[in-house]
Amino acid sequence: MAKEKVIKKTKKEIQELRRQLVNTVKTLAVTSLGLVAALAWNEAIQKLFEVVFPNKANSLVAMFTYAFFITAIIVFVTYYLTKLAGGIDEKDEKKK
């Protein structure tokens, strides 16, 4: 009887380990793809700023404008996602 409990417990632990492994690999894959997309957008936006600010003398201004633009977008997206996640968490808490 004790042997069956140990086997059952071990099977549950293996299933949980598999679930955690799959979730970790999924998270790494999505994060990697996100990084590739971010790098692609980074290059595209840099080229856009080169077209908008073609003069080499304005390159410092362009760099700071680019940095400000990207920072503003990141702050906006982070704020929005945080509010979205908070709303989802509140709904989950109400269900319990």
N, C-alpha and C. Protein backbone atom coordinates (compact mmCIF):
# COMPACT_ATOMS: atom_id res chain seq x y z
N MET A 1 0.82 -1.19 0.00
CA MET A 1 0.00 0.00 0.00
C MET A 1 0.87 1.27 0.00
N ALA A 2 1.90 1.28 0.81
CA ALA A 2 2.79 2.44 0.88
C ALA A 2 3.54 2.62 -0.44
N LYS A 3 3.87 1.50 -1.06
CA LYS A 3 4.58 1.56 -2.33
C LYS A 3 3.72 2.23 -3.40
N GLU A 4 2.42 1.90 -3.41
CA GLU A 4 1.51 2.51 -4.39
C GLU A 4 1.39 4.02 -4.17
N LYS A 5 1.37 4.45 -2.90
CA LYS A 5 1.30 5.89 -2.59
C LYS A 5 2.54 6.61 -3.08
N VAL A 6 3.70 5.97 -2.90
CA VAL A 6 4.95 6.57 -3.35
C VAL A 6 4.96 6.68 -4.87
N ILE A 7 4.51 5.62 -5.54
CA ILE A 7 4.47 5.63 -7.00
C ILE A 7 3.50 6.71 -7.50
N LYS A 8 2.32 6.81 -6.87
CA LYS A 8 1.33 7.81 -7.26
C LYS A 8 1.88 9.22 -7.04
N LYS A 9 2.55 9.43 -5.91
CA LYS A 9 3.13 10.73 -5.60
C LYS A 9 4.23 11.08 -6.60
N THR A 10 5.05 10.09 -6.94
CA THR A 10 6.14 10.29 -7.89
C THR A 10 5.58 10.65 -9.28
N LYS A 11 4.51 9.98 -9.69
CA LYS A 11 3.90 10.27 -10.99
C LYS A 11 3.37 11.71 -11.02
N LYS A 12 2.75 12.14 -9.91
CA LYS A 12 2.25 13.51 -9.85
C LYS A 12 3.40 14.51 -9.92
N GLU A 13 4.49 14.21 -9.24
CA GLU A 13 5.66 15.09 -9.27
C GLU A 13 6.26 15.16 -10.67
N ILE A 14 6.30 14.03 -11.38
CA ILE A 14 6.82 14.01 -12.74
C ILE A 14 5.91 14.83 -13.66
N GLN A 15 4.59 14.70 -13.50
CA GLN A 15 3.66 15.48 -14.31
C GLN A 15 3.83 16.98 -14.05
N GLU A 16 4.00 17.34 -12.77
CA GLU A 16 4.20 18.75 -12.43
C GLU A 16 5.52 19.26 -13.02
N LEU A 17 6.56 18.45 -12.97
CA LEU A 17 7.85 18.83 -13.55
C LEU A 17 7.73 19.02 -15.06
N ARG A 18 7.02 18.14 -15.73
CA ARG A 18 6.80 18.28 -17.17
C ARG A 18 6.05 19.56 -17.48
N ARG A 19 5.00 19.86 -16.69
CA ARG A 19 4.21 21.07 -16.90
C ARG A 19 5.09 22.30 -16.73
N GLN A 20 5.91 22.32 -15.68
CA GLN A 20 6.80 23.45 -15.45
C GLN A 20 7.83 23.58 -16.57
N LEU A 21 8.35 22.46 -17.06
CA LEU A 21 9.33 22.48 -18.14
C LEU A 21 8.71 23.05 -19.42
N VAL A 22 7.52 22.59 -19.76
CA VAL A 22 6.83 23.09 -20.96
C VAL A 22 6.56 24.59 -20.82
N ASN A 23 6.10 25.02 -19.64
CA ASN A 23 5.83 26.44 -19.44
C ASN A 23 7.10 27.27 -19.54
N THR A 24 8.20 26.76 -19.01
CA THR A 24 9.47 27.48 -19.07
C THR A 24 9.96 27.59 -20.51
N VAL A 25 9.90 26.51 -21.25
CA VAL A 25 10.33 26.53 -22.66
C VAL A 25 9.44 27.47 -23.46
N LYS A 26 8.14 27.43 -23.20
CA LYS A 26 7.20 28.33 -23.89
C LYS A 26 7.55 29.79 -23.59
N THR A 27 7.80 30.09 -22.34
CA THR A 27 8.14 31.46 -21.95
C THR A 27 9.44 31.90 -22.62
N LEU A 28 10.44 31.04 -22.64
CA LEU A 28 11.70 31.37 -23.29
C LEU A 28 11.53 31.59 -24.79
N ALA A 29 10.72 30.76 -25.42
CA ALA A 29 10.49 30.90 -26.87
C ALA A 29 9.77 32.20 -27.18
N VAL A 30 8.73 32.51 -26.42
CA VAL A 30 7.98 33.75 -26.66
C VAL A 30 8.86 34.96 -26.40
N THR A 31 9.66 34.91 -25.35
CA THR A 31 10.56 36.01 -25.03
C THR A 31 11.60 36.19 -26.14
N SER A 32 12.13 35.10 -26.64
CA SER A 32 13.11 35.18 -27.72
C SER A 32 12.51 35.79 -28.98
N LEU A 33 11.31 35.38 -29.31
CA LEU A 33 10.64 35.94 -30.49
C LEU A 33 10.33 37.41 -30.27
N GLY A 34 9.97 37.77 -29.06
CA GLY A 34 9.74 39.17 -28.74
C GLY A 34 10.99 40.01 -28.91
N LEU A 35 12.12 39.45 -28.50
CA LEU A 35 13.39 40.15 -28.66
C LEU A 35 13.72 40.35 -30.14
N VAL A 36 13.49 39.33 -30.95
CA VAL A 36 13.75 39.44 -32.39
C VAL A 36 12.85 40.53 -32.99
N ALA A 37 11.59 40.54 -32.59
CA ALA A 37 10.67 41.58 -33.09
C ALA A 37 11.12 42.96 -32.63
N ALA A 38 11.54 43.07 -31.38
CA ALA A 38 11.99 44.37 -30.86
C ALA A 38 13.22 44.86 -31.62
N LEU A 39 14.14 43.97 -31.91
CA LEU A 39 15.33 44.36 -32.66
C LEU A 39 14.97 44.80 -34.08
N ALA A 40 14.01 44.11 -34.69
CA ALA A 40 13.58 44.49 -36.03
C ALA A 40 12.93 45.87 -36.02
N TRP A 41 12.08 46.12 -35.04
CA TRP A 41 11.46 47.44 -34.91
C TRP A 41 12.50 48.50 -34.61
N ASN A 42 13.47 48.17 -33.79
CA ASN A 42 14.53 49.11 -33.45
C ASN A 42 15.25 49.57 -34.72
N GLU A 43 15.61 48.62 -35.54
CA GLU A 43 16.31 48.96 -36.78
C GLU A 43 15.43 49.76 -37.73
N ALA A 44 14.15 49.38 -37.83
CA ALA A 44 13.23 50.10 -38.71
C ALA A 44 13.04 51.55 -38.25
N ILE A 45 12.89 51.74 -36.96
CA ILE A 45 12.70 53.10 -36.44
C ILE A 45 13.98 53.91 -36.59
N GLN A 46 15.13 53.29 -36.41
CA GLN A 46 16.39 54.00 -36.62
C GLN A 46 16.50 54.48 -38.07
N LYS A 47 16.13 53.62 -39.00
CA LYS A 47 16.18 54.02 -40.42
C LYS A 47 15.20 55.16 -40.69
N LEU A 48 14.04 55.11 -40.07
CA LEU A 48 13.08 56.19 -40.22
C LEU A 48 13.67 57.51 -39.74
N PHE A 49 14.34 57.49 -38.60
CA PHE A 49 14.95 58.71 -38.08
C PHE A 49 16.10 59.18 -38.97
N GLU A 50 16.80 58.26 -39.61
CA GLU A 50 17.85 58.66 -40.55
C GLU A 50 17.24 59.39 -41.75
N VAL A 51 16.07 58.97 -42.16
CA VAL A 51 15.39 59.64 -43.27
C VAL A 51 14.86 61.00 -42.82
N VAL A 52 14.29 61.05 -41.63
CA VAL A 52 13.73 62.30 -41.12
C VAL A 52 14.83 63.30 -40.79
N PHE A 53 15.95 62.81 -40.26
CA PHE A 53 17.09 63.67 -39.89
C PHE A 53 18.30 63.27 -40.74
N PRO A 54 18.31 63.62 -42.03
CA PRO A 54 19.39 63.15 -42.91
C PRO A 54 20.74 63.81 -42.64
N ASN A 55 20.73 64.98 -42.04
CA ASN A 55 21.96 65.73 -41.80
C ASN A 55 22.75 65.06 -40.66
N LYS A 56 24.02 64.78 -40.91
CA LYS A 56 24.86 64.15 -39.88
C LYS A 56 25.02 65.04 -38.66
N ALA A 57 24.94 66.35 -38.84
CA ALA A 57 25.08 67.28 -37.71
C ALA A 57 23.91 67.12 -36.75
N ASN A 58 22.78 66.65 -37.25
CA ASN A 58 21.59 66.46 -36.41
C ASN A 58 21.52 65.05 -35.81
N SER A 59 22.55 64.25 -35.99
CA SER A 59 22.47 62.85 -35.55
C SER A 59 22.32 62.74 -34.03
N LEU A 60 22.95 63.65 -33.27
CA LEU A 60 22.80 63.61 -31.82
C LEU A 60 21.36 63.95 -31.43
N VAL A 61 20.81 64.94 -32.08
CA VAL A 61 19.41 65.30 -31.82
C VAL A 61 18.50 64.12 -32.19
N ALA A 62 18.80 63.50 -33.30
CA ALA A 62 18.01 62.35 -33.74
C ALA A 62 18.11 61.20 -32.74
N MET A 63 19.29 60.95 -32.20
CA MET A 63 19.46 59.86 -31.23
C MET A 63 18.62 60.12 -29.97
N PHE A 64 18.67 61.36 -29.48
CA PHE A 64 17.90 61.68 -28.28
C PHE A 64 16.39 61.66 -28.57
N THR A 65 16.02 62.12 -29.75
CA THR A 65 14.60 62.07 -30.13
C THR A 65 14.14 60.62 -30.21
N TYR A 66 14.96 59.78 -30.81
CA TYR A 66 14.66 58.35 -30.92
C TYR A 66 14.54 57.73 -29.53
N ALA A 67 15.50 58.02 -28.64
CA ALA A 67 15.48 57.46 -27.29
C ALA A 67 14.23 57.90 -26.54
N PHE A 68 13.87 59.18 -26.67
CA PHE A 68 12.67 59.68 -26.01
C PHE A 68 11.43 59.00 -26.57
N PHE A 69 11.36 58.88 -27.89
CA PHE A 69 10.21 58.25 -28.56
C PHE A 69 10.03 56.80 -28.09
N ILE A 70 11.10 56.05 -28.09
CA ILE A 70 11.04 54.64 -27.67
C ILE A 70 10.66 54.54 -26.20
N THR A 71 11.25 55.38 -25.37
CA THR A 71 10.94 55.36 -23.94
C THR A 71 9.46 55.65 -23.71
N ALA A 72 8.92 56.64 -24.41
CA ALA A 72 7.50 56.98 -24.26
C ALA A 72 6.62 55.80 -24.66
N ILE A 73 6.97 55.14 -25.74
CA ILE A 73 6.18 53.98 -26.17
C ILE A 73 6.24 52.87 -25.12
N ILE A 74 7.43 52.59 -24.62
CA ILE A 74 7.59 51.53 -23.63
C ILE A 74 6.82 51.84 -22.35
N VAL A 75 6.87 53.09 -21.90
CA VAL A 75 6.13 53.48 -20.70
C VAL A 75 4.63 53.30 -20.93
N PHE A 76 4.14 53.73 -22.09
CA PHE A 76 2.72 53.59 -22.40
C PHE A 76 2.30 52.13 -22.43
N VAL A 77 3.05 51.30 -23.13
CA VAL A 77 2.71 49.89 -23.24
C VAL A 77 2.78 49.21 -21.87
N THR A 78 3.81 49.51 -21.09
CA THR A 78 3.94 48.92 -19.76
C THR A 78 2.77 49.33 -18.87
N TYR A 79 2.41 50.61 -18.90
CA TYR A 79 1.27 51.10 -18.11
C TYR A 79 -0.01 50.38 -18.52
N TYR A 80 -0.25 50.27 -19.81
CA TYR A 80 -1.46 49.63 -20.31
C TYR A 80 -1.51 48.15 -19.90
N LEU A 81 -0.40 47.44 -20.09
CA LEU A 81 -0.37 46.02 -19.74
C LEU A 81 -0.53 45.80 -18.24
N THR A 82 0.03 46.70 -17.43
CA THR A 82 -0.11 46.59 -15.99
C THR A 82 -1.58 46.78 -15.58
N LYS A 83 -2.25 47.76 -16.18
CA LYS A 83 -3.68 47.96 -15.90
C LYS A 83 -4.50 46.76 -16.37
N LEU A 84 -4.16 46.23 -17.52
CA LEU A 84 -4.87 45.07 -18.05
C LEU A 84 -4.70 43.87 -17.12
N ALA A 85 -3.47 43.62 -16.70
CA ALA A 85 -3.20 42.49 -15.81
C ALA A 85 -3.90 42.69 -14.47
N GLY A 86 -3.92 43.93 -13.97
CA GLY A 86 -4.61 44.21 -12.71
C GLY A 86 -6.09 43.93 -12.81
N GLY A 87 -6.70 44.28 -13.92
CA GLY A 87 -8.12 44.00 -14.13
C GLY A 87 -8.40 42.51 -14.19
N ILE A 88 -7.52 41.78 -14.81
CA ILE A 88 -7.68 40.32 -14.89
C ILE A 88 -7.53 39.71 -13.51
N ASP A 89 -6.54 40.17 -12.73
CA ASP A 89 -6.34 39.67 -11.37
C ASP A 89 -7.55 39.95 -10.50
N GLU A 90 -8.15 41.14 -10.64
CA GLU A 90 -9.34 41.48 -9.86
C GLU A 90 -10.50 40.56 -10.22
N LYS A 91 -10.67 40.27 -11.51
CA LYS A 91 -11.75 39.37 -11.93
C LYS A 91 -11.53 37.96 -11.37
N ASP A 92 -10.28 37.51 -11.37
CA ASP A 92 -9.96 36.20 -10.84
C ASP A 92 -10.25 36.13 -9.34
N GLU A 93 -9.93 37.21 -8.62
CA GLU A 93 -10.19 37.25 -7.18
C GLU A 93 -11.68 37.21 -6.89
N LYS A 94 -12.47 37.90 -7.71
CA LYS A 94 -13.93 37.91 -7.50
C LYS A 94 -14.54 36.54 -7.73
N LYS A 95 -13.96 35.76 -8.65
CA LYS A 95 -14.46 34.43 -8.94
C LYS A 95 -14.24 33.47 -7.78
N LYS A 96 -13.20 33.73 -7.00
CA LYS A 96 -12.89 32.83 -5.88
C LYS A 96 -13.82 33.09 -4.78
